[in-house]
């Protein structure tokens, strides 16, 4: 079994950094919407559901990338992605995160989605649980 990558190594990986940053931006949007409209926590509208689906897709892309590049188990990849996201939230000013256009992070490039291998329902649930 390969050694798991370190967080510093993940931060330096431009692809993984971009994937995690997109996810962080979407989490920020999700938090803003649910704090402004608390009822959305119980009954999300179509926009919030789309944001949540986009978060899941970016996390899934990042996890697939890590599994392929670093030869680590999916559960470890998801855990490391969560740590990277937490570090990005702490290290990047919120004002900078808000400058990332929402449209940019909501529109996943079709090429990325086509390259993503299918996940099993158990893997999809693991991804959801990791958030």
C-alpha atoms as a PDB file:
ATOM      1  CA  UNK A   1       0.000   0.000   0.000  1.00  0.00           C
ATOM      2  CA  UNK A   2       1.331   3.413  -0.939  1.00  0.00           C
ATOM      3  CA  UNK A   3       2.044   6.033   1.687  1.00  0.00           C
ATOM      4  CA  UNK A   4      -0.698   8.626   1.952  1.00  0.00           C
ATOM      5  CA  UNK A   5       0.244  12.067   0.653  1.00  0.00           C
ATOM      6  CA  UNK A   6       0.807  14.871   3.110  1.00  0.00           C
ATOM      7  CA  UNK A   7      -1.398  17.932   3.220  1.00  0.00           C
ATOM      8  CA  UNK A   8       1.447  20.138   1.994  1.00  0.00           C
ATOM      9  CA  UNK A   9       1.816  17.870  -1.032  1.00  0.00           C
ATOM     10  CA  UNK A  10      -1.915  18.148  -1.730  1.00  0.00           C
ATOM     11  CA  UNK A  11      -1.844  21.960  -1.472  1.00  0.00           C
ATOM     12  CA  UNK A  12       0.930  22.064  -4.074  1.00  0.00           C
ATOM     13  CA  UNK A  13      -0.967  19.881  -6.534  1.00  0.00           C
ATOM     14  CA  UNK A  14      -2.596  22.479  -8.802  1.00  0.00           C
ATOM     15  CA  UNK A  15      -5.409  20.191  -9.923  1.00  0.00           C
ATOM     16  CA  UNK A  16      -6.364  19.088  -6.440  1.00  0.00           C
ATOM     17  CA  UNK A  17      -6.022  22.630  -5.086  1.00  0.00           C
ATOM     18  CA  UNK A  18      -8.446  23.912  -7.752  1.00  0.00           C
ATOM     19  CA  UNK A  19     -10.947  21.113  -7.108  1.00  0.00           C
ATOM     20  CA  UNK A  20     -10.868  21.711  -3.352  1.00  0.00           C
ATOM     21  CA  UNK A  21     -11.096  25.482  -3.788  1.00  0.00           C
ATOM     22  CA  UNK A  22     -14.212  25.122  -5.946  1.00  0.00           C
ATOM     23  CA  UNK A  23     -15.772  22.956  -3.256  1.00  0.00           C
ATOM     24  CA  UNK A  24     -14.912  25.477  -0.543  1.00  0.00           C
ATOM     25  CA  UNK A  25     -16.501  28.270  -2.587  1.00  0.00           C
ATOM     26  CA  UNK A  26     -19.684  26.240  -2.979  1.00  0.00           C
ATOM     27  CA  UNK A  27     -19.770  25.423   0.741  1.00  0.00           C
ATOM     28  CA  UNK A  28     -19.532  29.159   1.413  1.00  0.00           C
ATOM     29  CA  UNK A  29     -22.488  29.773  -0.916  1.00  0.00           C
ATOM     30  CA  UNK A  30     -24.470  26.970   0.730  1.00  0.00           C
ATOM     31  CA  UNK A  31     -23.794  28.359   4.208  1.00  0.00           C
ATOM     32  CA  UNK A  32     -24.783  31.881   3.154  1.00  0.00           C
ATOM     33  CA  UNK A  33     -28.073  30.725   1.660  1.00  0.00           C
ATOM     34  CA  UNK A  34     -29.045  28.576   4.627  1.00  0.00           C
ATOM     35  CA  UNK A  35     -28.153  31.288   7.142  1.00  0.00           C
ATOM     36  CA  UNK A  36     -30.230  33.859   5.211  1.00  0.00           C
ATOM     37  CA  UNK A  37     -33.092  31.402   4.726  1.00  0.00           C
ATOM     38  CA  UNK A  38     -33.002  28.834   7.560  1.00  0.00           C
ATOM     39  CA  UNK A  39     -36.048  26.990   6.204  1.00  0.00           C
ATOM     40  CA  UNK A  40     -33.843  25.771   3.329  1.00  0.00           C
ATOM     41  CA  UNK A  41     -32.029  23.447   5.745  1.00  0.00           C
ATOM     42  CA  UNK A  42     -35.182  21.361   6.061  1.00  0.00           C
ATOM     43  CA  UNK A  43     -36.579  21.898   2.566  1.00  0.00           C
ATOM     44  CA  UNK A  44     -33.861  22.925   0.104  1.00  0.00           C
ATOM     45  CA  UNK A  45     -35.013  24.719  -3.026  1.00  0.00           C
ATOM     46  CA  UNK A  46     -33.829  23.801  -6.528  1.00  0.00           C
ATOM     47  CA  UNK A  47     -30.912  26.263  -6.388  1.00  0.00           C
ATOM     48  CA  UNK A  48     -29.602  24.895  -3.097  1.00  0.00           C
ATOM     49  CA  UNK A  49     -30.010  21.317  -4.308  1.00  0.00           C
ATOM     50  CA  UNK A  50     -27.985  22.201  -7.413  1.00  0.00           C
ATOM     51  CA  UNK A  51     -25.247  23.732  -5.249  1.00  0.00           C
ATOM     52  CA  UNK A  52     -25.172  20.606  -3.067  1.00  0.00           C
ATOM     53  CA  UNK A  53     -25.045  18.367  -6.134  1.00  0.00           C
ATOM     54  CA  UNK A  54     -22.159  20.439  -7.497  1.00  0.00           C
ATOM     55  CA  UNK A  55     -20.310  20.073  -4.181  1.00  0.00           C
ATOM     56  CA  UNK A  56     -20.731  16.305  -4.394  1.00  0.00           C
ATOM     57  CA  UNK A  57     -19.440  16.283  -7.969  1.00  0.00           C
ATOM     58  CA  UNK A  58     -16.326  18.346  -7.164  1.00  0.00           C
ATOM     59  CA  UNK A  59     -15.574  16.148  -4.139  1.00  0.00           C
ATOM     60  CA  UNK A  60     -16.073  13.036  -6.250  1.00  0.00           C
ATOM     61  CA  UNK A  61     -13.728  14.383  -8.935  1.00  0.00           C
ATOM     62  CA  UNK A  62     -11.106  15.244  -6.324  1.00  0.00           C
ATOM     63  CA  UNK A  63     -11.410  11.816  -4.693  1.00  0.00           C
ATOM     64  CA  UNK A  64     -11.135  10.002  -8.025  1.00  0.00           C
ATOM     65  CA  UNK A  65      -8.093  12.080  -8.905  1.00  0.00           C
ATOM     66  CA  UNK A  66      -6.415  11.294  -5.585  1.00  0.00           C
ATOM     67  CA  UNK A  67      -7.160   7.577  -5.795  1.00  0.00           C
ATOM     68  CA  UNK A  68      -5.610   7.442  -9.274  1.00  0.00           C
ATOM     69  CA  UNK A  69      -2.619   9.709  -8.630  1.00  0.00           C
ATOM     70  CA  UNK A  70      -1.671   8.678  -5.097  1.00  0.00           C
ATOM     71  CA  UNK A  71      -2.992   5.086  -5.144  1.00  0.00           C
ATOM     72  CA  UNK A  72      -4.800   5.554  -1.855  1.00  0.00           C
ATOM     73  CA  UNK A  73      -8.123   4.084  -0.719  1.00  0.00           C
ATOM     74  CA  UNK A  74     -11.255   6.138  -1.367  1.00  0.00           C
ATOM     75  CA  UNK A  75     -11.956   6.610   2.337  1.00  0.00           C
ATOM     76  CA  UNK A  76      -8.463   8.040   2.883  1.00  0.00           C
ATOM     77  CA  UNK A  77      -8.804  10.305  -0.150  1.00  0.00           C
ATOM     78  CA  UNK A  78     -12.119  11.677   1.144  1.00  0.00           C
ATOM     79  CA  UNK A  79     -10.651  12.282   4.574  1.00  0.00           C
ATOM     80  CA  UNK A  80      -7.646  14.111   3.113  1.00  0.00           C
ATOM     81  CA  UNK A  81      -9.887  16.202   0.872  1.00  0.00           C
ATOM     82  CA  UNK A  82     -11.867  17.238   3.937  1.00  0.00           C
ATOM     83  CA  UNK A  83      -8.651  18.242   5.709  1.00  0.00           C
ATOM     84  CA  UNK A  84      -7.485  20.201   2.671  1.00  0.00           C
ATOM     85  CA  UNK A  85     -10.811  22.029   2.469  1.00  0.00           C
ATOM     86  CA  UNK A  86     -10.626  22.914   6.161  1.00  0.00           C
ATOM     87  CA  UNK A  87      -7.110  24.248   5.696  1.00  0.00           C
ATOM     88  CA  UNK A  88      -8.166  26.320   2.678  1.00  0.00           C
ATOM     89  CA  UNK A  89     -11.099  27.784   4.639  1.00  0.00           C
ATOM     90  CA  UNK A  90      -8.709  28.801   7.411  1.00  0.00           C
ATOM     91  CA  UNK A  91      -5.943  30.074   5.147  1.00  0.00           C
ATOM     92  CA  UNK A  92      -7.796  32.003   2.447  1.00  0.00           C
ATOM     93  CA  UNK A  93      -9.698  35.158   3.381  1.00  0.00           C
ATOM     94  CA  UNK A  94     -13.444  34.835   2.867  1.00  0.00           C
ATOM     95  CA  UNK A  95     -13.404  37.985   0.713  1.00  0.00           C
ATOM     96  CA  UNK A  96     -11.106  36.217  -1.752  1.00  0.00           C
ATOM     97  CA  UNK A  97     -13.324  33.133  -1.839  1.00  0.00           C
ATOM     98  CA  UNK A  98     -16.369  35.274  -2.632  1.00  0.00           C
ATOM     99  CA  UNK A  99     -14.496  36.686  -5.646  1.00  0.00           C
ATOM    100  CA  UNK A 100     -14.570  33.284  -7.347  1.00  0.00           C
ATOM    101  CA  UNK A 101     -17.560  33.510  -9.697  1.00  0.00           C
ATOM    102  CA  UNK A 102     -20.374  31.201  -8.650  1.00  0.00           C
ATOM    103  CA  UNK A 103     -21.126  30.363 -12.287  1.00  0.00           C
ATOM    104  CA  UNK A 104     -17.550  29.130 -12.653  1.00  0.00           C
ATOM    105  CA  UNK A 105     -17.850  26.590  -9.857  1.00  0.00           C
ATOM    106  CA  UNK A 106     -21.376  25.487 -10.701  1.00  0.00           C
ATOM    107  CA  UNK A 107     -20.461  24.503 -14.246  1.00  0.00           C
ATOM    108  CA  UNK A 108     -18.293  21.431 -14.171  1.00  0.00           C
ATOM    109  CA  UNK A 109     -16.422  20.943 -17.433  1.00  0.00           C
ATOM    110  CA  UNK A 110     -18.051  18.039 -19.322  1.00  0.00           C
ATOM    111  CA  UNK A 111     -14.598  16.589 -20.061  1.00  0.00           C
ATOM    112  CA  UNK A 112     -13.974  16.176 -16.342  1.00  0.00           C
ATOM    113  CA  UNK A 113     -17.278  14.434 -15.808  1.00  0.00           C
ATOM    114  CA  UNK A 114     -16.675  12.052 -18.724  1.00  0.00           C
ATOM    115  CA  UNK A 115     -13.298  10.966 -17.354  1.00  0.00           C
ATOM    116  CA  UNK A 116     -14.684  10.236 -13.901  1.00  0.00           C
ATOM    117  CA  UNK A 117     -15.130   6.530 -13.283  1.00  0.00           C
ATOM    118  CA  UNK A 118     -18.495   5.328 -12.084  1.00  0.00           C
ATOM    119  CA  UNK A 119     -18.738   4.942  -8.332  1.00  0.00           C
ATOM    120  CA  UNK A 120     -20.719   2.315  -6.535  1.00  0.00           C
ATOM    121  CA  UNK A 121     -23.627   3.372  -4.290  1.00  0.00           C
ATOM    122  CA  UNK A 122     -21.460   2.536  -1.245  1.00  0.00           C
ATOM    123  CA  UNK A 123     -18.684   4.839  -2.493  1.00  0.00           C
ATOM    124  CA  UNK A 124     -21.190   7.615  -3.180  1.00  0.00           C
ATOM    125  CA  UNK A 125     -22.532   7.256   0.370  1.00  0.00           C
ATOM    126  CA  UNK A 126     -18.981   7.357   1.763  1.00  0.00           C
ATOM    127  CA  UNK A 127     -18.413  10.608  -0.138  1.00  0.00           C
ATOM    128  CA  UNK A 128     -21.610  12.092   1.277  1.00  0.00           C
ATOM    129  CA  UNK A 129     -20.752  10.954   4.806  1.00  0.00           C
ATOM    130  CA  UNK A 130     -17.268  12.490   4.589  1.00  0.00           C
ATOM    131  CA  UNK A 131     -18.746  15.961   4.246  1.00  0.00           C
END
